[in-house]
Every structure is written in structure tokens, then in C-alpha cells.
Amino acid sequence: MTGTVFDRRMLEALVCPVTHAVLSYDAEKQELVSKAASMAFPIRDGIPIMLVSEAREL
């Protein structure tokens, strides 16, 4: 983590690219989590990477 902070207001606009379900923010791991898809999308330098190829399976 580089110190750039994720703007939590983005959660209102972002949805899971797979299921279109809501996401939750994991501040400790710097990820957006889709429980519906069982995937976690990384946040790098404050920018969510919403690519399935970059996601981690839960």
C-alpha cells in the first residue's frame, strides 16, 4: 500500500463486474469484496482494479 486512500464514496457507484451485486470494502487488505461472486478486487494507489483477471478468489 502506498498511502493513497480509497474514497469510500466510490462504493455507491461501483458494483461487481461479474454479478452486479454490491461490494464491501476491506480496508486492511485494500480490496473490494463481492460475496456474491466470491471474489476480491484489489485497490492500488487508491484506484479499484475491477478486472476479473486481477481479482482474488475467496
Protein backbone atom coordinates (compact mmCIF):
# COMPACT_ATOMS: atom_id res chain seq x y z
CA MET A 1 0.00 0.00 0.00
CA THR A 2 1.38 3.37 -0.98
CA GLY A 3 -0.60 5.59 1.34
CA THR A 4 -3.19 6.76 -1.19
CA VAL A 5 -6.57 6.38 0.45
CA PHE A 6 -9.59 4.79 -1.24
CA ASP A 7 -12.59 7.11 -1.36
CA ARG A 8 -15.43 5.14 0.22
CA ARG A 9 -17.98 7.21 -1.72
CA MET A 10 -16.95 5.15 -4.77
CA LEU A 11 -18.78 2.19 -3.23
CA GLU A 12 -22.07 3.89 -4.08
CA ALA A 13 -21.24 3.76 -7.80
CA LEU A 14 -19.26 0.52 -8.10
CA VAL A 15 -20.77 -2.95 -8.44
CA CYS A 16 -19.28 -6.37 -9.02
CA PRO A 17 -18.43 -6.75 -12.72
CA VAL A 18 -19.50 -10.41 -12.60
CA THR A 19 -22.78 -10.37 -10.66
CA HIS A 20 -23.61 -6.64 -10.50
CA ALA A 21 -24.04 -7.07 -6.73
CA VAL A 22 -22.91 -4.57 -4.11
CA LEU A 23 -19.31 -4.60 -2.90
CA SER A 24 -17.88 -4.26 0.57
CA TYR A 25 -14.61 -2.52 1.41
CA ASP A 26 -11.86 -4.38 3.25
CA ALA A 27 -9.56 -1.60 4.47
CA GLU A 28 -6.97 -3.97 5.94
CA LYS A 29 -6.42 -5.85 2.67
CA GLN A 30 -7.21 -2.86 0.41
CA GLU A 31 -9.81 -4.81 -1.56
CA LEU A 32 -13.40 -4.54 -2.70
CA VAL A 33 -15.16 -7.79 -1.89
CA SER A 34 -18.01 -9.34 -3.84
CA LYS A 35 -19.56 -12.01 -1.66
CA ALA A 36 -21.94 -12.95 -4.50
CA ALA A 37 -19.03 -13.80 -6.84
CA SER A 38 -16.65 -14.93 -4.06
CA MET A 39 -14.01 -12.55 -5.38
CA ALA A 40 -11.92 -9.69 -4.04
CA PHE A 41 -10.80 -6.87 -6.33
CA PRO A 42 -7.57 -5.07 -5.39
CA ILE A 43 -7.24 -1.35 -4.76
CA ARG A 44 -3.91 0.05 -5.94
CA ASP A 45 -2.88 3.64 -5.28
CA GLY A 46 -6.49 4.40 -4.32
CA ILE A 47 -7.87 3.04 -7.61
CA PRO A 48 -10.07 -0.08 -7.61
CA ILE A 49 -8.97 -2.62 -10.23
CA MET A 50 -12.28 -4.12 -11.36
CA LEU A 51 -10.86 -6.71 -13.75
CA VAL A 52 -11.78 -10.35 -13.17
CA SER A 53 -8.26 -11.34 -14.21
CA GLU A 54 -6.85 -9.24 -11.33
CA ALA A 55 -9.34 -10.48 -8.72
CA ARG A 56 -8.53 -12.93 -5.95
CA GLU A 57 -10.91 -15.83 -5.35
CA LEU A 58 -12.26 -16.14 -1.83
